[in-house]
Full PDB file with SEQRES, HELIX, SHEET, SSBOND, CRYST1, ORIGX, SCALE, CONECT and MASTER records, all heavy atoms in Angstrom:
SEQRES   1 A   33  VAL HIS GLY ILE CYS THR LEU ASP GLY ILE ALA TYR ALA          
SEQRES   2 A   33  ALA GLY GLN ALA GLY LEU ALA GLU GLY PRO PHE VAL VAL          
SEQRES   3 A   33  ALA THR ASP ALA ARG ARG LYS                                  
HELIX    1 AA1 THR A    6  GLN A   16  1                                  11    
CRYST1    1.000    1.000    1.000  90.00  90.00  90.00 P 1           1          
ORIGX1      1.000000  0.000000  0.000000        0.00000                         
ORIGX2      0.000000  1.000000  0.000000        0.00000                         
ORIGX3      0.000000  0.000000  1.000000        0.00000                         
SCALE1      1.000000  0.000000  0.000000        0.00000                         
SCALE2      0.000000  1.000000  0.000000        0.00000                         
SCALE3      0.000000  0.000000  1.000000        0.00000                         
ATOM      1  N   VAL A   1      94.523  78.445  -6.863  1.00  0.00           N  
ATOM      2  CA  VAL A   1      94.385  77.600  -5.676  1.00  0.00           C  
ATOM      3  C   VAL A   1      92.927  77.177  -5.585  1.00  0.00           C  
ATOM      4  O   VAL A   1      92.030  78.010  -5.475  1.00  0.00           O  
ATOM      5  CB  VAL A   1      94.808  78.345  -4.399  1.00  0.00           C  
ATOM      6  CG1 VAL A   1      94.636  77.447  -3.176  1.00  0.00           C  
ATOM      7  CG2 VAL A   1      96.256  78.819  -4.506  1.00  0.00           C  
ATOM      8  N   HIS A   2      92.691  75.872  -5.642  1.00  0.00           N  
ATOM      9  CA  HIS A   2      91.337  75.323  -5.652  1.00  0.00           C  
ATOM     10  C   HIS A   2      91.017  74.713  -4.288  1.00  0.00           C  
ATOM     11  O   HIS A   2      91.722  73.810  -3.826  1.00  0.00           O  
ATOM     12  CB  HIS A   2      91.208  74.229  -6.719  1.00  0.00           C  
ATOM     13  CG  HIS A   2      91.645  74.649  -8.088  1.00  0.00           C  
ATOM     14  ND1 HIS A   2      90.992  75.640  -8.805  1.00  0.00           N  
ATOM     15  CD2 HIS A   2      92.674  74.224  -8.870  1.00  0.00           C  
ATOM     16  CE1 HIS A   2      91.582  75.775  -9.980  1.00  0.00           C  
ATOM     17  NE2 HIS A   2      92.602  74.940 -10.041  1.00  0.00           N  
ATOM     18  N   GLY A   3      89.953  75.189  -3.653  1.00  0.00           N  
ATOM     19  CA  GLY A   3      89.529  74.641  -2.380  1.00  0.00           C  
ATOM     20  C   GLY A   3      88.475  73.564  -2.546  1.00  0.00           C  
ATOM     21  O   GLY A   3      87.579  73.672  -3.381  1.00  0.00           O  
ATOM     22  N   ILE A   4      88.595  72.492  -1.756  1.00  0.00           N  
ATOM     23  CA  ILE A   4      87.611  71.413  -1.747  1.00  0.00           C  
ATOM     24  C   ILE A   4      87.306  71.056  -0.294  1.00  0.00           C  
ATOM     25  O   ILE A   4      88.219  70.957   0.533  1.00  0.00           O  
ATOM     26  CB  ILE A   4      88.109  70.160  -2.494  1.00  0.00           C  
ATOM     27  CG1 ILE A   4      88.343  70.462  -3.981  1.00  0.00           C  
ATOM     28  CG2 ILE A   4      87.115  69.007  -2.352  1.00  0.00           C  
ATOM     29  CD1 ILE A   4      88.822  69.254  -4.780  1.00  0.00           C  
ATOM     30  N   CYS A   5      86.044  70.837   0.015  1.00  0.00           N  
ATOM     31  CA  CYS A   5      85.659  70.393   1.351  1.00  0.00           C  
ATOM     32  C   CYS A   5      86.373  69.080   1.674  1.00  0.00           C  
ATOM     33  O   CYS A   5      86.361  68.137   0.875  1.00  0.00           O  
ATOM     34  CB  CYS A   5      84.147  70.204   1.420  1.00  0.00           C  
ATOM     35  SG  CYS A   5      83.542  69.488   2.959  1.00  0.00           S  
ATOM     36  N   THR A   6      87.006  69.030   2.827  1.00  0.00           N  
ATOM     37  CA  THR A   6      87.742  67.836   3.235  1.00  0.00           C  
ATOM     38  C   THR A   6      86.850  66.600   3.259  1.00  0.00           C  
ATOM     39  O   THR A   6      87.259  65.508   2.842  1.00  0.00           O  
ATOM     40  CB  THR A   6      88.366  68.063   4.611  1.00  0.00           C  
ATOM     41  OG1 THR A   6      89.367  69.100   4.509  1.00  0.00           O  
ATOM     42  CG2 THR A   6      89.015  66.802   5.166  1.00  0.00           C  
ATOM     43  N   LEU A   7      85.624  66.744   3.732  1.00  0.00           N  
ATOM     44  CA  LEU A   7      84.712  65.602   3.785  1.00  0.00           C  
ATOM     45  C   LEU A   7      84.392  65.083   2.387  1.00  0.00           C  
ATOM     46  O   LEU A   7      84.193  63.879   2.193  1.00  0.00           O  
ATOM     47  CB  LEU A   7      83.427  65.989   4.512  1.00  0.00           C  
ATOM     48  CG  LEU A   7      83.577  66.499   5.952  1.00  0.00           C  
ATOM     49  CD1 LEU A   7      82.218  66.803   6.547  1.00  0.00           C  
ATOM     50  CD2 LEU A   7      84.338  65.512   6.818  1.00  0.00           C  
ATOM     51  N   ASP A   8      84.361  65.981   1.395  1.00  0.00           N  
ATOM     52  CA  ASP A   8      84.120  65.555   0.015  1.00  0.00           C  
ATOM     53  C   ASP A   8      85.256  64.673  -0.488  1.00  0.00           C  
ATOM     54  O   ASP A   8      85.035  63.727  -1.251  1.00  0.00           O  
ATOM     55  CB  ASP A   8      83.971  66.762  -0.903  1.00  0.00           C  
ATOM     56  CG  ASP A   8      82.681  67.542  -0.675  1.00  0.00           C  
ATOM     57  OD1 ASP A   8      81.866  67.113   0.176  1.00  0.00           O  
ATOM     58  OD2 ASP A   8      82.504  68.590  -1.320  1.00  0.00           O  
ATOM     59  N   GLY A   9      86.486  64.997  -0.068  1.00  0.00           N  
ATOM     60  CA  GLY A   9      87.622  64.174  -0.464  1.00  0.00           C  
ATOM     61  C   GLY A   9      87.532  62.773   0.120  1.00  0.00           C  
ATOM     62  O   GLY A   9      87.827  61.776  -0.551  1.00  0.00           O  
ATOM     63  N   ILE A  10      87.112  62.670   1.380  1.00  0.00           N  
ATOM     64  CA  ILE A  10      86.962  61.358   2.017  1.00  0.00           C  
ATOM     65  C   ILE A  10      85.819  60.585   1.366  1.00  0.00           C  
ATOM     66  O   ILE A  10      85.916  59.370   1.156  1.00  0.00           O  
ATOM     67  CB  ILE A  10      86.747  61.531   3.524  1.00  0.00           C  
ATOM     68  CG1 ILE A  10      87.972  62.208   4.166  1.00  0.00           C  
ATOM     69  CG2 ILE A  10      86.480  60.181   4.194  1.00  0.00           C  
ATOM     70  CD1 ILE A  10      87.804  62.564   5.631  1.00  0.00           C  
ATOM     71  N   ALA A  11      84.741  61.287   1.036  1.00  0.00           N  
ATOM     72  CA  ALA A  11      83.623  60.635   0.350  1.00  0.00           C  
ATOM     73  C   ALA A  11      84.064  60.080  -1.004  1.00  0.00           C  
ATOM     74  O   ALA A  11      83.690  58.964  -1.387  1.00  0.00           O  
ATOM     75  CB  ALA A  11      82.478  61.632   0.159  1.00  0.00           C  
ATOM     76  N   TYR A  12      84.863  60.851  -1.723  1.00  0.00           N  
ATOM     77  CA  TYR A  12      85.342  60.393  -3.030  1.00  0.00           C  
ATOM     78  C   TYR A  12      86.258  59.179  -2.869  1.00  0.00           C  
ATOM     79  O   TYR A  12      86.196  58.236  -3.678  1.00  0.00           O  
ATOM     80  CB  TYR A  12      86.083  61.521  -3.743  1.00  0.00           C  
ATOM     81  CG  TYR A  12      86.325  61.255  -5.209  1.00  0.00           C  
ATOM     82  CD1 TYR A  12      85.278  61.317  -6.118  1.00  0.00           C  
ATOM     83  CD2 TYR A  12      87.589  60.939  -5.680  1.00  0.00           C  
ATOM     84  CE1 TYR A  12      85.486  61.060  -7.475  1.00  0.00           C  
ATOM     85  CE2 TYR A  12      87.812  60.692  -7.022  1.00  0.00           C  
ATOM     86  CZ  TYR A  12      86.762  60.750  -7.918  1.00  0.00           C  
ATOM     87  OH  TYR A  12      86.982  60.493  -9.265  1.00  0.00           O  
ATOM     88  N   ALA A  13      87.077  59.177  -1.813  1.00  0.00           N  
ATOM     89  CA  ALA A  13      87.934  58.021  -1.544  1.00  0.00           C  
ATOM     90  C   ALA A  13      87.097  56.786  -1.256  1.00  0.00           C  
ATOM     91  O   ALA A  13      87.436  55.670  -1.678  1.00  0.00           O  
ATOM     92  CB  ALA A  13      88.859  58.323  -0.362  1.00  0.00           C  
ATOM     93  N   ALA A  14      85.983  56.964  -0.531  1.00  0.00           N  
ATOM     94  CA  ALA A  14      85.094  55.838  -0.260  1.00  0.00           C  
ATOM     95  C   ALA A  14      84.506  55.294  -1.556  1.00  0.00           C  
ATOM     96  O   ALA A  14      84.368  54.079  -1.736  1.00  0.00           O  
ATOM     97  CB  ALA A  14      83.980  56.267   0.689  1.00  0.00           C  
ATOM     98  N   GLY A  15      84.180  56.199  -2.472  1.00  0.00           N  
ATOM     99  CA  GLY A  15      83.677  55.767  -3.767  1.00  0.00           C  
ATOM    100  C   GLY A  15      84.724  55.015  -4.566  1.00  0.00           C  
ATOM    101  O   GLY A  15      84.426  53.992  -5.200  1.00  0.00           O  
ATOM    102  N   GLN A  16      85.964  55.497  -4.534  1.00  0.00           N  
ATOM    103  CA  GLN A  16      87.044  54.819  -5.240  1.00  0.00           C  
ATOM    104  C   GLN A  16      87.270  53.406  -4.700  1.00  0.00           C  
ATOM    105  O   GLN A  16      87.667  52.507  -5.443  1.00  0.00           O  
ATOM    106  CB  GLN A  16      88.339  55.625  -5.121  1.00  0.00           C  
ATOM    107  CG  GLN A  16      88.362  56.914  -5.940  1.00  0.00           C  
ATOM    108  CD  GLN A  16      89.677  57.640  -5.802  1.00  0.00           C  
ATOM    109  OE1 GLN A  16      90.195  57.818  -4.698  1.00  0.00           O  
ATOM    110  NE2 GLN A  16      90.237  58.064  -6.924  1.00  0.00           N  
ATOM    111  N   ALA A  17      87.012  53.234  -3.395  1.00  0.00           N  
ATOM    112  CA  ALA A  17      87.192  51.926  -2.760  1.00  0.00           C  
ATOM    113  C   ALA A  17      85.970  51.027  -2.935  1.00  0.00           C  
ATOM    114  O   ALA A  17      85.966  49.888  -2.449  1.00  0.00           O  
ATOM    115  CB  ALA A  17      87.492  52.107  -1.279  1.00  0.00           C  
ATOM    116  N   GLY A  18      84.931  51.534  -3.595  1.00  0.00           N  
ATOM    117  CA  GLY A  18      83.732  50.751  -3.819  1.00  0.00           C  
ATOM    118  C   GLY A  18      82.873  50.576  -2.586  1.00  0.00           C  
ATOM    119  O   GLY A  18      82.118  49.606  -2.468  1.00  0.00           O  
ATOM    120  N   LEU A  19      82.962  51.530  -1.653  1.00  0.00           N  
ATOM    121  CA  LEU A  19      82.250  51.406  -0.382  1.00  0.00           C  
ATOM    122  C   LEU A  19      81.078  52.357  -0.255  1.00  0.00           C  
ATOM    123  O   LEU A  19      80.481  52.450   0.823  1.00  0.00           O  
ATOM    124  CB  LEU A  19      83.227  51.666   0.778  1.00  0.00           C  
ATOM    125  CG  LEU A  19      84.438  50.739   0.858  1.00  0.00           C  
ATOM    126  CD1 LEU A  19      85.392  51.221   1.941  1.00  0.00           C  
ATOM    127  CD2 LEU A  19      83.995  49.319   1.130  1.00  0.00           C  
ATOM    128  N   ALA A  20      80.742  53.083  -1.302  1.00  0.00           N  
ATOM    129  CA  ALA A  20      79.734  54.138  -1.170  1.00  0.00           C  
ATOM    130  C   ALA A  20      78.866  54.212  -2.420  1.00  0.00           C  
ATOM    131  O   ALA A  20      78.907  55.183  -3.155  1.00  0.00           O  
ATOM    132  CB  ALA A  20      80.422  55.480  -0.915  1.00  0.00           C  
ATOM    133  N   GLU A  21      78.054  53.196  -2.624  1.00  0.00           N  
ATOM    134  CA  GLU A  21      77.203  53.178  -3.812  1.00  0.00           C  
ATOM    135  C   GLU A  21      75.858  53.854  -3.571  1.00  0.00           C  
ATOM    136  O   GLU A  21      75.177  54.252  -4.502  1.00  0.00           O  
ATOM    137  CB  GLU A  21      76.992  51.734  -4.262  1.00  0.00           C  
ATOM    138  CG  GLU A  21      78.286  51.048  -4.693  1.00  0.00           C  
ATOM    139  CD  GLU A  21      78.056  49.628  -5.140  1.00  0.00           C  
ATOM    140  OE1 GLU A  21      76.898  49.176  -5.062  1.00  0.00           O  
ATOM    141  OE2 GLU A  21      79.033  48.970  -5.570  1.00  0.00           O  
ATOM    142  N   GLY A  22      75.416  53.948  -2.327  1.00  0.00           N  
ATOM    143  CA  GLY A  22      74.147  54.593  -1.999  1.00  0.00           C  
ATOM    144  C   GLY A  22      74.355  55.661  -0.950  1.00  0.00           C  
ATOM    145  O   GLY A  22      75.475  56.126  -0.743  1.00  0.00           O  
ATOM    146  N   PRO A  23      73.292  56.085  -0.252  1.00  0.00           N  
ATOM    147  CA  PRO A  23      73.439  57.097   0.798  1.00  0.00           C  
ATOM    148  C   PRO A  23      74.442  56.651   1.864  1.00  0.00           C  
ATOM    149  O   PRO A  23      74.445  55.489   2.280  1.00  0.00           O  
ATOM    150  CB  PRO A  23      72.026  57.194   1.374  1.00  0.00           C  
ATOM    151  CG  PRO A  23      71.132  56.754   0.267  1.00  0.00           C  
ATOM    152  CD  PRO A  23      71.893  55.676  -0.451  1.00  0.00           C  
ATOM    153  N   PHE A  24      75.292  57.572   2.290  1.00  0.00           N  
ATOM    154  CA  PHE A  24      76.272  57.267   3.326  1.00  0.00           C  
ATOM    155  C   PHE A  24      76.680  58.554   4.029  1.00  0.00           C  
ATOM    156  O   PHE A  24      76.320  59.662   3.601  1.00  0.00           O  
ATOM    157  CB  PHE A  24      77.490  56.537   2.759  1.00  0.00           C  
ATOM    158  CG  PHE A  24      78.363  57.364   1.850  1.00  0.00           C  
ATOM    159  CD1 PHE A  24      79.554  57.916   2.300  1.00  0.00           C  
ATOM    160  CD2 PHE A  24      77.992  57.591   0.529  1.00  0.00           C  
ATOM    161  CE1 PHE A  24      80.355  58.669   1.454  1.00  0.00           C  
ATOM    162  CE2 PHE A  24      78.788  58.335  -0.325  1.00  0.00           C  
ATOM    163  CZ  PHE A  24      79.977  58.879   0.141  1.00  0.00           C  
ATOM    164  N   VAL A  25      77.436  58.409   5.101  1.00  0.00           N  
ATOM    165  CA  VAL A  25      77.862  59.536   5.927  1.00  0.00           C  
ATOM    166  C   VAL A  25      79.380  59.547   6.041  1.00  0.00           C  
ATOM    167  O   VAL A  25      80.009  58.487   6.118  1.00  0.00           O  
ATOM    168  CB  VAL A  25      77.232  59.438   7.343  1.00  0.00           C  
ATOM    169  CG1 VAL A  25      77.814  60.494   8.277  1.00  0.00           C  
ATOM    170  CG2 VAL A  25      75.723  59.575   7.272  1.00  0.00           C  
ATOM    171  N   VAL A  26      79.947  60.747   6.036  1.00  0.00           N  
ATOM    172  CA  VAL A  26      81.366  60.941   6.347  1.00  0.00           C  
ATOM    173  C   VAL A  26      81.446  61.726   7.651  1.00  0.00           C  
ATOM    174  O   VAL A  26      80.749  62.746   7.805  1.00  0.00           O  
ATOM    175  CB  VAL A  26      82.103  61.708   5.235  1.00  0.00           C  
ATOM    176  CG1 VAL A  26      83.545  61.984   5.653  1.00  0.00           C  
ATOM    177  CG2 VAL A  26      82.067  60.931   3.925  1.00  0.00           C  
ATOM    178  N   ALA A  27      82.260  61.263   8.584  1.00  0.00           N  
ATOM    179  CA  ALA A  27      82.416  61.962   9.862  1.00  0.00           C  
ATOM    180  C   ALA A  27      83.882  61.963  10.269  1.00  0.00           C  
ATOM    181  O   ALA A  27      84.547  60.926  10.212  1.00  0.00           O  
ATOM    182  CB  ALA A  27      81.579  61.294  10.953  1.00  0.00           C  
ATOM    183  N   THR A  28      84.396  63.135  10.663  1.00  0.00           N  
ATOM    184  CA  THR A  28      85.761  63.243  11.159  1.00  0.00           C  
ATOM    185  C   THR A  28      85.729  63.742  12.598  1.00  0.00           C  
ATOM    186  O   THR A  28      84.720  64.252  13.083  1.00  0.00           O  
ATOM    187  CB  THR A  28      86.605  64.190  10.293  1.00  0.00           C  
ATOM    188  OG1 THR A  28      86.008  65.496  10.291  1.00  0.00           O  
ATOM    189  CG2 THR A  28      86.697  63.683   8.858  1.00  0.00           C  
ATOM    190  N   ASP A  29      86.848  63.580  13.287  1.00  0.00           N  
ATOM    191  CA  ASP A  29      86.932  63.965  14.697  1.00  0.00           C  
ATOM    192  C   ASP A  29      87.052  65.480  14.831  1.00  0.00           C  
ATOM    193  O   ASP A  29      87.984  66.085  14.325  1.00  0.00           O  
ATOM    194  CB  ASP A  29      88.144  63.275  15.333  1.00  0.00           C  
ATOM    195  CG  ASP A  29      88.268  63.563  16.820  1.00  0.00           C  
ATOM    196  OD1 ASP A  29      87.277  64.004  17.433  1.00  0.00           O  
ATOM    197  OD2 ASP A  29      89.365  63.335  17.365  1.00  0.00           O  
ATOM    198  N   ALA A  30      86.095  66.090  15.519  1.00  0.00           N  
ATOM    199  CA  ALA A  30      86.132  67.534  15.754  1.00  0.00           C  
ATOM    200  C   ALA A  30      86.644  67.872  17.153  1.00  0.00           C  
ATOM    201  O   ALA A  30      86.625  69.033  17.553  1.00  0.00           O  
ATOM    202  CB  ALA A  30      84.737  68.128  15.558  1.00  0.00           C  
ATOM    203  N   ARG A  31      87.054  66.836  17.899  1.00  0.00           N  
ATOM    204  CA  ARG A  31      87.465  66.999  19.296  1.00  0.00           C  
ATOM    205  C   ARG A  31      86.276  67.514  20.118  1.00  0.00           C  
ATOM    206  O   ARG A  31      85.173  67.623  19.604  1.00  0.00           O  
ATOM    207  CB  ARG A  31      88.691  67.912  19.408  1.00  0.00           C  
ATOM    208  CG  ARG A  31      89.879  67.401  18.572  1.00  0.00           C  
ATOM    209  CD  ARG A  31      91.022  68.381  18.597  1.00  0.00           C  
ATOM    210  NE  ARG A  31      92.078  67.970  17.678  1.00  0.00           N  
ATOM    211  CZ  ARG A  31      93.134  68.726  17.375  1.00  0.00           C  
ATOM    212  NH1 ARG A  31      93.280  69.926  17.922  1.00  0.00           N  
ATOM    213  NH2 ARG A  31      94.043  68.282  16.535  1.00  0.00           N  
ATOM    214  N   ARG A  32      86.486  67.782  21.398  1.00  0.00           N  
ATOM    215  CA  ARG A  32      85.420  68.220  22.309  1.00  0.00           C  
ATOM    216  C   ARG A  32      84.219  67.270  22.282  1.00  0.00           C  
ATOM    217  O   ARG A  32      83.080  67.678  22.476  1.00  0.00           O  
ATOM    218  CB  ARG A  32      84.929  69.633  21.951  1.00  0.00           C  
ATOM    219  CG  ARG A  32      85.986  70.700  21.880  1.00  0.00           C  
ATOM    220  CD  ARG A  32      85.319  72.043  21.641  1.00  0.00           C  
ATOM    221  NE  ARG A  32      86.269  73.048  21.194  1.00  0.00           N  
ATOM    222  CZ  ARG A  32      85.921  74.268  20.790  1.00  0.00           C  
ATOM    223  NH1 ARG A  32      84.650  74.630  20.786  1.00  0.00           N  
ATOM    224  NH2 ARG A  32      86.835  75.139  20.392  1.00  0.00           N  
ATOM    225  N   LYS A  33      84.463  65.991  21.983  1.00  0.00           N  
ATOM    226  CA  LYS A  33      83.409  64.975  21.899  1.00  0.00           C  
ATOM    227  C   LYS A  33      82.381  65.319  20.833  1.00  0.00           C  
ATOM    228  O   LYS A  33      81.189  65.004  20.959  1.00  0.00           O  
ATOM    229  CB  LYS A  33      82.738  64.778  23.260  1.00  0.00           C  
ATOM    230  CG  LYS A  33      83.688  64.282  24.343  1.00  0.00           C  
ATOM    231  CD  LYS A  33      82.971  64.054  25.658  1.00  0.00           C  
ATOM    232  CE  LYS A  33      83.954  63.551  26.713  1.00  0.00           C  
ATOM    233  NZ  LYS A  33      83.279  63.317  28.026  1.00  0.00           N  
TER     234      LYS A  33                                                      
MASTER        0    0    0    1    0    0    0    6  233    1    0    3          
END                                                                             
């Protein structure tokens, strides 16, 4: 069983879509504002 940080998966998806060639940020909803 291989664990991967969820944010890393979203970052990789951004790269696959050609949207992340330089510095960028991934942010997900943590609730509680």
